[in-house]
Amino acid sequence: MTTLVPQPVRTRQCPTVADAMDPCEYWTTDDSTVDQANNVLRGAHLEYLIVRDHDGRCEGLVTRAGLRVFLERSWYGEPTSISTVAHQRGPFTWPTMGLALAALTMRIKRLAVWPVVDDDGYVLGVLTCDRATAVLAAAGAATAPTTAAAA
């Protein structure tokens, strides 16, 4: 006789990166210049840009702070390509990764923004520390028992 052991019922779903990622509307290509990327950053009031290759796959992320060194030199110098600038490169996160693990990884690596890609490397969005923290806090509050129910 076979007996079935009851399996615990999973009552709450842990949030994933997909639950917290934001769309990424602005990007630049790896062969654009630092000046071009800076113009996009200033014009759109952004702190970061996704860097894509010619096929549209994510190559990394460049920040204003990362471009500052190159922008301080003379405007009449030789144009510098984004691909030669040190910027955040992979590995990137996936939408199915647990949000708690992604937030921990971002803290360890000191990342403020992390590109989210699909299995083929195409950008789906970005995960920011602030957004991850907010979603994790909301998920924790939603699963916490209320004081009336606990009493």
N, C-alpha and C. Protein backbone atom coordinates (compact mmCIF):
# COMPACT_ATOMS: atom_id res chain seq x y z
N MET A 1 0.84 -1.16 0.00
CA MET A 1 0.00 0.00 0.00
C MET A 1 0.89 1.24 0.00
N THR A 2 0.57 2.16 -0.86
CA THR A 2 1.32 3.41 -0.96
C THR A 2 0.58 4.50 -0.21
N THR A 3 1.31 5.17 0.62
CA THR A 3 0.69 6.29 1.33
C THR A 3 1.24 7.59 0.78
N LEU A 4 0.40 8.54 0.67
CA LEU A 4 0.81 9.85 0.17
C LEU A 4 1.11 10.76 1.34
N VAL A 5 2.24 11.36 1.27
CA VAL A 5 2.63 12.33 2.30
C VAL A 5 2.14 13.69 1.85
N PRO A 6 1.34 14.33 2.68
CA PRO A 6 0.84 15.65 2.25
C PRO A 6 1.99 16.64 2.11
N GLN A 7 1.97 17.39 1.04
CA GLN A 7 2.97 18.41 0.78
C GLN A 7 2.48 19.74 1.35
N PRO A 8 3.39 20.53 1.90
CA PRO A 8 2.96 21.83 2.43
C PRO A 8 2.43 22.70 1.30
N VAL A 9 1.39 23.40 1.60
CA VAL A 9 0.79 24.29 0.61
C VAL A 9 1.56 25.60 0.65
N ARG A 10 1.97 26.03 -0.51
CA ARG A 10 2.70 27.29 -0.61
C ARG A 10 1.68 28.43 -0.60
N THR A 11 1.63 29.14 0.49
CA THR A 11 0.60 30.15 0.65
C THR A 11 0.98 31.51 0.07
N ARG A 12 2.24 31.81 -0.02
CA ARG A 12 2.62 33.11 -0.59
C ARG A 12 3.70 32.90 -1.64
N GLN A 13 3.63 33.73 -2.61
CA GLN A 13 4.59 33.69 -3.69
C GLN A 13 5.69 34.70 -3.41
N CYS A 14 6.93 34.30 -3.43
CA CYS A 14 8.05 35.22 -3.24
C CYS A 14 8.18 36.09 -4.48
N PRO A 15 8.38 37.38 -4.30
CA PRO A 15 8.50 38.26 -5.46
C PRO A 15 9.75 37.94 -6.27
N THR A 16 9.66 38.16 -7.55
CA THR A 16 10.79 37.97 -8.46
C THR A 16 11.22 39.33 -9.01
N VAL A 17 12.30 39.32 -9.73
CA VAL A 17 12.81 40.55 -10.36
C VAL A 17 11.75 41.14 -11.29
N ALA A 18 10.98 40.30 -11.95
CA ALA A 18 9.93 40.78 -12.86
C ALA A 18 8.91 41.63 -12.13
N ASP A 19 8.68 41.35 -10.85
CA ASP A 19 7.72 42.11 -10.06
C ASP A 19 8.22 43.51 -9.74
N ALA A 20 9.51 43.74 -9.81
CA ALA A 20 10.09 45.02 -9.38
C ALA A 20 10.82 45.77 -10.49
N MET A 21 11.00 45.16 -11.65
CA MET A 21 11.79 45.85 -12.67
C MET A 21 11.00 46.98 -13.30
N ASP A 22 11.74 47.98 -13.74
CA ASP A 22 11.17 49.14 -14.42
C ASP A 22 11.55 49.07 -15.89
N PRO A 23 10.72 49.64 -16.76
CA PRO A 23 11.09 49.65 -18.18
C PRO A 23 12.31 50.54 -18.39
N CYS A 24 13.02 50.26 -19.44
CA CYS A 24 14.21 51.04 -19.78
C CYS A 24 13.98 51.67 -21.14
N GLU A 25 13.66 52.95 -21.13
CA GLU A 25 13.29 53.64 -22.36
C GLU A 25 14.48 54.21 -23.12
N TYR A 26 15.57 54.45 -22.42
CA TYR A 26 16.72 55.09 -23.05
C TYR A 26 17.91 54.14 -23.07
N TRP A 27 18.63 54.17 -24.16
CA TRP A 27 19.80 53.32 -24.31
C TRP A 27 20.73 53.95 -25.33
N THR A 28 21.94 53.41 -25.41
CA THR A 28 22.91 53.86 -26.39
C THR A 28 23.61 52.63 -26.96
N THR A 29 24.27 52.80 -28.08
CA THR A 29 25.00 51.68 -28.68
C THR A 29 26.45 51.73 -28.24
N ASP A 30 27.12 50.59 -28.35
CA ASP A 30 28.50 50.50 -27.89
C ASP A 30 29.48 51.28 -28.76
N ASP A 31 29.06 51.70 -29.95
CA ASP A 31 29.96 52.49 -30.80
C ASP A 31 29.65 53.99 -30.75
N SER A 32 28.68 54.41 -29.93
CA SER A 32 28.43 55.84 -29.79
C SER A 32 29.54 56.46 -28.94
N THR A 33 29.65 57.77 -29.00
CA THR A 33 30.72 58.44 -28.27
C THR A 33 30.24 58.83 -26.87
N VAL A 34 31.21 59.14 -26.03
CA VAL A 34 30.92 59.59 -24.67
C VAL A 34 30.08 60.87 -24.72
N ASP A 35 30.40 61.76 -25.65
CA ASP A 35 29.65 63.01 -25.78
C ASP A 35 28.19 62.74 -26.15
N GLN A 36 27.95 61.79 -27.05
CA GLN A 36 26.57 61.45 -27.43
C GLN A 36 25.81 60.87 -26.25
N ALA A 37 26.44 59.98 -25.52
CA ALA A 37 25.79 59.38 -24.35
C ALA A 37 25.51 60.45 -23.29
N ASN A 38 26.43 61.37 -23.09
CA ASN A 38 26.23 62.44 -22.13
C ASN A 38 25.06 63.33 -22.54
N ASN A 39 24.92 63.59 -23.83
CA ASN A 39 23.80 64.40 -24.31
C ASN A 39 22.47 63.73 -23.99
N VAL A 40 22.39 62.42 -24.15
CA VAL A 40 21.17 61.69 -23.82
C VAL A 40 20.92 61.73 -22.32
N LEU A 41 21.96 61.50 -21.52
CA LEU A 41 21.81 61.53 -20.07
C LEU A 41 21.32 62.90 -19.59
N ARG A 42 21.91 63.96 -20.11
CA ARG A 42 21.50 65.31 -19.70
C ARG A 42 20.11 65.65 -20.21
N GLY A 43 19.85 65.34 -21.47
CA GLY A 43 18.56 65.69 -22.07
C GLY A 43 17.38 64.97 -21.43
N ALA A 44 17.58 63.73 -21.03
CA ALA A 44 16.51 62.94 -20.41
C ALA A 44 16.56 62.97 -18.89
N HIS A 45 17.52 63.69 -18.32
CA HIS A 45 17.69 63.79 -16.86
C HIS A 45 17.82 62.41 -16.23
N LEU A 46 18.76 61.63 -16.76
CA LEU A 46 19.00 60.26 -16.29
C LEU A 46 20.34 60.16 -15.58
N GLU A 47 20.49 59.13 -14.79
CA GLU A 47 21.77 58.84 -14.13
C GLU A 47 22.50 57.69 -14.81
N TYR A 48 21.80 56.92 -15.67
CA TYR A 48 22.40 55.75 -16.31
C TYR A 48 21.79 55.52 -17.68
N LEU A 49 22.51 54.81 -18.52
CA LEU A 49 22.05 54.38 -19.84
C LEU A 49 22.44 52.94 -20.05
N ILE A 50 21.55 52.16 -20.63
CA ILE A 50 21.88 50.80 -21.05
C ILE A 50 22.73 50.90 -22.30
N VAL A 51 23.76 50.07 -22.40
CA VAL A 51 24.61 50.00 -23.59
C VAL A 51 24.26 48.72 -24.33
N ARG A 52 23.90 48.86 -25.61
CA ARG A 52 23.53 47.71 -26.45
C ARG A 52 24.54 47.52 -27.56
N ASP A 53 24.65 46.27 -28.03
CA ASP A 53 25.49 46.01 -29.20
C ASP A 53 24.65 46.20 -30.46
N HIS A 54 25.22 45.91 -31.62
CA HIS A 54 24.51 46.12 -32.88
C HIS A 54 23.31 45.18 -33.06
N ASP A 55 23.29 44.07 -32.35
CA ASP A 55 22.16 43.14 -32.43
C ASP A 55 21.07 43.49 -31.42
N GLY A 56 21.30 44.49 -30.58
CA GLY A 56 20.32 44.88 -29.58
C GLY A 56 20.48 44.20 -28.23
N ARG A 57 21.52 43.37 -28.10
CA ARG A 57 21.75 42.69 -26.83
C ARG A 57 22.44 43.64 -25.84
N CYS A 58 22.20 43.39 -24.57
CA CYS A 58 22.76 44.24 -23.52
C CYS A 58 24.26 44.02 -23.39
N GLU A 59 25.00 45.10 -23.46
CA GLU A 59 26.45 45.06 -23.26
C GLU A 59 26.82 45.55 -21.87
N GLY A 60 25.94 46.33 -21.26
CA GLY A 60 26.24 46.85 -19.95
C GLY A 60 25.44 48.09 -19.64
N LEU A 61 25.99 48.87 -18.73
CA LEU A 61 25.31 50.06 -18.26
C LEU A 61 26.37 51.12 -17.99
N VAL A 62 26.13 52.34 -18.43
CA VAL A 62 27.06 53.44 -18.21
C VAL A 62 26.34 54.51 -17.38
N THR A 63 27.09 55.11 -16.44
CA THR A 63 26.51 56.13 -15.56
C THR A 63 27.15 57.49 -15.82
N ARG A 64 26.50 58.52 -15.32
CA ARG A 64 27.08 59.86 -15.41
C ARG A 64 28.43 59.92 -14.72
N ALA A 65 28.50 59.31 -13.55
CA ALA A 65 29.76 59.32 -12.80
C ALA A 65 30.86 58.63 -13.60
N GLY A 66 30.55 57.57 -14.31
CA GLY A 66 31.54 56.87 -15.10
C GLY A 66 32.02 57.66 -16.30
N LEU A 67 31.19 58.57 -16.79
CA LEU A 67 31.57 59.39 -17.94
C LEU A 67 32.31 60.66 -17.54
N ARG A 68 32.20 61.05 -16.28
CA ARG A 68 32.75 62.31 -15.81
C ARG A 68 34.23 62.48 -16.15
N VAL A 69 35.02 61.43 -15.98
CA VAL A 69 36.46 61.50 -16.25
C VAL A 69 36.72 61.85 -17.71
N PHE A 70 35.93 61.29 -18.61
CA PHE A 70 36.14 61.53 -20.03
C PHE A 70 35.61 62.90 -20.45
N LEU A 71 34.62 63.39 -19.75
CA LEU A 71 34.04 64.68 -20.11
C LEU A 71 34.87 65.85 -19.61
N GLU A 72 35.76 65.62 -18.66
CA GLU A 72 36.59 66.69 -18.13
C GLU A 72 37.75 67.06 -19.06
N ARG A 73 38.03 66.21 -20.02
CA ARG A 73 39.11 66.52 -20.95
C ARG A 73 38.63 67.51 -22.00
N SER A 74 39.51 67.97 -22.85
CA SER A 74 39.18 68.98 -23.85
C SER A 74 38.12 68.46 -24.83
N TRP A 75 37.22 69.34 -25.21
CA TRP A 75 36.18 68.97 -26.19
C TRP A 75 36.78 68.76 -27.58
N TYR A 76 37.99 69.24 -27.79
CA TYR A 76 38.59 69.13 -29.11
C TYR A 76 39.48 67.91 -29.24
N GLY A 77 39.48 67.06 -28.25
CA GLY A 77 40.27 65.83 -28.31
C GLY A 77 39.61 64.81 -29.21
N GLU A 78 40.21 63.68 -29.30
CA GLU A 78 39.68 62.59 -30.12
C GLU A 78 38.43 62.01 -29.47
N PRO A 79 37.37 61.75 -30.25
CA PRO A 79 36.14 61.20 -29.67
C PRO A 79 36.40 59.82 -29.03
N THR A 80 35.81 59.62 -27.87
CA THR A 80 35.98 58.37 -27.14
C THR A 80 34.71 57.54 -27.26
N SER A 81 34.85 56.30 -27.68
CA SER A 81 33.72 55.39 -27.84
C SER A 81 33.28 54.84 -26.48
N ILE A 82 31.99 54.63 -26.31
CA ILE A 82 31.45 54.06 -25.07
C ILE A 82 32.07 52.68 -24.81
N SER A 83 32.37 51.93 -25.85
CA SER A 83 32.92 50.57 -25.65
C SER A 83 34.28 50.60 -24.96
N THR A 84 35.00 51.72 -25.04
CA THR A 84 36.30 51.81 -24.38
C THR A 84 36.20 52.34 -22.95
N VAL A 85 35.04 52.83 -22.57
CA VAL A 85 34.81 53.37 -21.24
C VAL A 85 34.51 52.21 -20.29
N ALA A 86 35.10 52.27 -19.12
CA ALA A 86 34.80 51.25 -18.11
C ALA A 86 33.37 51.44 -17.65
N HIS A 87 32.54 50.44 -17.89
CA HIS A 87 31.16 50.50 -17.44
C HIS A 87 30.73 49.13 -16.94
N GLN A 88 29.61 49.14 -16.23
CA GLN A 88 29.11 47.88 -15.67
C GLN A 88 28.77 46.91 -16.79
N ARG A 89 29.40 45.76 -16.75
CA ARG A 89 29.14 44.71 -17.73
C ARG A 89 28.53 43.52 -17.01
N GLY A 90 28.12 42.50 -17.76
CA GLY A 90 27.45 41.34 -17.19
C GLY A 90 28.24 40.67 -16.10
N PRO A 91 27.69 39.70 -15.44
CA PRO A 91 26.39 39.10 -15.73
C PRO A 91 25.26 40.00 -15.26
N PHE A 92 24.12 39.82 -15.89
CA PHE A 92 22.94 40.60 -15.58
C PHE A 92 21.92 39.70 -14.90
N THR A 93 20.84 40.29 -14.45
CA THR A 93 19.81 39.50 -13.79
C THR A 93 18.72 39.10 -14.78
N TRP A 94 17.93 38.12 -14.39
CA TRP A 94 16.83 37.61 -15.20
C TRP A 94 15.52 37.90 -14.48
N PRO A 95 14.42 37.98 -15.21
CA PRO A 95 13.14 38.30 -14.58
C PRO A 95 12.65 37.22 -13.61
N THR A 96 13.11 35.99 -13.75
CA THR A 96 12.65 34.91 -12.88
C THR A 96 13.46 34.75 -11.61
N MET A 97 14.53 35.52 -11.47
CA MET A 97 15.37 35.43 -10.27
C MET A 97 14.58 35.96 -9.07
N GLY A 98 14.76 35.33 -7.93
CA GLY A 98 14.11 35.81 -6.71
C GLY A 98 14.57 37.22 -6.38
N LEU A 99 13.63 38.06 -5.99
CA LEU A 99 13.96 39.46 -5.73
C LEU A 99 14.87 39.61 -4.51
N ALA A 100 14.68 38.79 -3.51
CA ALA A 100 15.53 38.88 -2.32
C ALA A 100 16.99 38.57 -2.68
N LEU A 101 17.20 37.56 -3.50
CA LEU A 101 18.55 37.21 -3.94
C LEU A 101 19.14 38.32 -4.80
N ALA A 102 18.34 38.89 -5.69
CA ALA A 102 18.82 39.99 -6.54
C ALA A 102 19.20 41.20 -5.69
N ALA A 103 18.38 41.53 -4.70
CA ALA A 103 18.68 42.67 -3.83
C ALA A 103 19.96 42.44 -3.04
N LEU A 104 20.15 41.21 -2.55
CA LEU A 104 21.37 40.87 -1.82
C LEU A 104 22.59 40.99 -2.74
N THR A 105 22.48 40.49 -3.94
CA THR A 105 23.57 40.58 -4.92
C THR A 105 23.91 42.03 -5.23
N MET A 106 22.89 42.86 -5.37
CA MET A 106 23.12 44.27 -5.66
C MET A 106 23.85 44.95 -4.50
N ARG A 107 23.50 44.59 -3.27
CA ARG A 107 24.18 45.17 -2.11
C ARG A 107 25.63 44.73 -2.07
N ILE A 108 25.88 43.45 -2.31
CA ILE A 108 27.25 42.94 -2.28
C ILE A 108 28.11 43.58 -3.36
N LYS A 109 27.56 43.71 -4.56
CA LYS A 109 28.31 44.28 -5.68
C LYS A 109 28.24 45.81 -5.73
N ARG A 110 27.49 46.39 -4.80
CA ARG A 110 27.31 47.84 -4.74
C ARG A 110 26.75 48.40 -6.05
N LEU A 111 25.69 47.78 -6.52
CA LEU A 111 25.02 48.20 -7.75
C LEU A 111 23.77 48.99 -7.39
N ALA A 112 23.61 50.16 -7.96
CA ALA A 112 22.39 50.95 -7.78
C ALA A 112 21.34 50.54 -8.80
N VAL A 113 21.81 50.10 -9.97
CA VAL A 113 20.94 49.71 -11.08
C VAL A 113 21.52 48.44 -11.69
N TRP A 114 20.63 47.50 -12.06
CA TRP A 114 21.08 46.24 -12.66
C TRP A 114 20.19 45.92 -13.85
N PRO A 115 20.76 45.79 -15.05
CA PRO A 115 19.94 45.44 -16.22
C PRO A 115 19.29 44.06 -16.07
N VAL A 116 18.06 43.96 -16.56
CA VAL A 116 17.32 42.70 -16.58
C VAL A 116 17.24 42.26 -18.04
N VAL A 117 17.70 41.04 -18.32
CA VAL A 117 17.74 40.54 -19.69
C VAL A 117 17.00 39.21 -19.80
N ASP A 118 16.62 38.88 -21.04
CA ASP A 118 16.02 37.56 -21.28
C ASP A 118 17.12 36.54 -21.54
N ASP A 119 16.73 35.32 -21.88
CA ASP A 119 17.71 34.25 -22.09
C ASP A 119 18.68 34.52 -23.24
N ASP A 120 18.27 35.38 -24.18
CA ASP A 120 19.12 35.69 -25.32
C ASP A 120 19.94 36.97 -25.13
N GLY A 121 19.80 37.62 -23.97
CA GLY A 121 20.59 38.81 -23.69
C GLY A 121 19.95 40.13 -24.07
N TYR A 122 18.67 40.11 -24.47
CA TYR A 122 17.99 41.34 -24.83
C TYR A 122 17.43 42.01 -23.57
N VAL A 123 17.52 43.31 -23.52
CA VAL A 123 17.11 44.08 -22.34
C VAL A 123 15.59 44.05 -22.19
N LEU A 124 15.14 43.70 -20.99
CA LEU A 124 13.72 43.73 -20.65
C LEU A 124 13.39 44.93 -19.77
N GLY A 125 14.37 45.40 -19.01
CA GLY A 125 14.17 46.51 -18.09
C GLY A 125 15.37 46.64 -17.18
N VAL A 126 15.18 47.36 -16.08
CA VAL A 126 16.23 47.54 -15.09
C VAL A 126 15.64 47.34 -13.70
N LEU A 127 16.50 46.90 -12.80
CA LEU A 127 16.13 46.76 -11.40
C LEU A 127 16.95 47.78 -10.62
N THR A 128 16.27 48.61 -9.84
CA THR A 128 16.97 49.57 -9.00
C THR A 128 16.87 49.13 -7.54
N CYS A 129 17.83 49.53 -6.75
CA CYS A 129 17.83 49.18 -5.32
C CYS A 129 16.58 49.71 -4.63
N ASP A 130 16.21 50.94 -4.92
CA ASP A 130 15.04 51.52 -4.28
C ASP A 130 13.76 50.74 -4.59
N ARG A 131 13.60 50.38 -5.84
CA ARG A 131 12.39 49.64 -6.24
C ARG A 131 12.38 48.25 -5.62
N ALA A 132 13.52 47.57 -5.61
CA ALA A 132 13.61 46.23 -5.02
C ALA A 132 13.27 46.29 -3.53
N THR A 133 13.80 47.28 -2.84
CA THR A 133 13.53 47.43 -1.41
C THR A 133 12.04 47.68 -1.15
N ALA A 134 11.43 48.52 -1.96
CA ALA A 134 10.02 48.84 -1.79
C ALA A 134 9.14 47.62 -2.03
N VAL A 135 9.42 46.85 -3.07
CA VAL A 135 8.61 45.66 -3.37
C VAL A 135 8.80 44.60 -2.30
N LEU A 136 10.02 44.42 -1.84
CA LEU A 136 10.27 43.44 -0.76
C LEU A 136 9.56 43.87 0.53
N ALA A 137 9.57 45.16 0.84
CA ALA A 137 8.89 45.65 2.04
C ALA A 137 7.38 45.45 1.92
N ALA A 138 6.84 45.72 0.74
CA ALA A 138 5.40 45.53 0.53
C ALA A 138 5.03 44.05 0.61
N ALA A 139 5.87 43.19 0.09
CA ALA A 139 5.60 41.75 0.15
C ALA A 139 5.68 41.25 1.59
N GLY A 140 6.60 41.79 2.36
CA GLY A 140 6.72 41.41 3.77
C GLY A 140 5.53 41.89 4.57
N ALA A 141 5.04 43.10 4.26
CA ALA A 141 3.89 43.65 4.97
C ALA A 141 2.62 42.90 4.61
N ALA A 142 2.53 42.44 3.35
CA ALA A 142 1.34 41.73 2.92
C ALA A 142 1.23 40.36 3.57
N THR A 143 2.37 39.76 3.91
CA THR A 143 2.33 38.42 4.50
C THR A 143 2.42 38.43 6.02
N ALA A 144 2.70 39.60 6.61
CA ALA A 144 2.80 39.68 8.06
C ALA A 144 1.41 39.61 8.68
N PRO A 145 1.25 38.90 9.78
CA PRO A 145 -0.07 38.83 10.41
C PRO A 145 -0.41 40.17 11.04
N THR A 146 -1.67 40.52 11.02
CA THR A 146 -2.09 41.76 11.65
C THR A 146 -2.14 41.57 13.15
N THR A 147 -2.11 42.66 13.89
CA THR A 147 -2.12 42.55 15.35
C THR A 147 -3.44 41.99 15.86
N ALA A 148 -4.54 42.28 15.17
CA ALA A 148 -5.83 41.76 15.59
C ALA A 148 -5.89 40.26 15.38
N ALA A 149 -5.32 39.80 14.26
CA ALA A 149 -5.35 38.37 13.97
C ALA A 149 -4.38 37.62 14.88
N ALA A 150 -3.30 38.26 15.27
CA ALA A 150 -2.31 37.61 16.11
C ALA A 150 -2.77 37.54 17.57
N ALA A 151 -3.63 38.46 17.96
CA ALA A 151 -4.07 38.52 19.36
C ALA A 151 -5.11 37.47 19.67
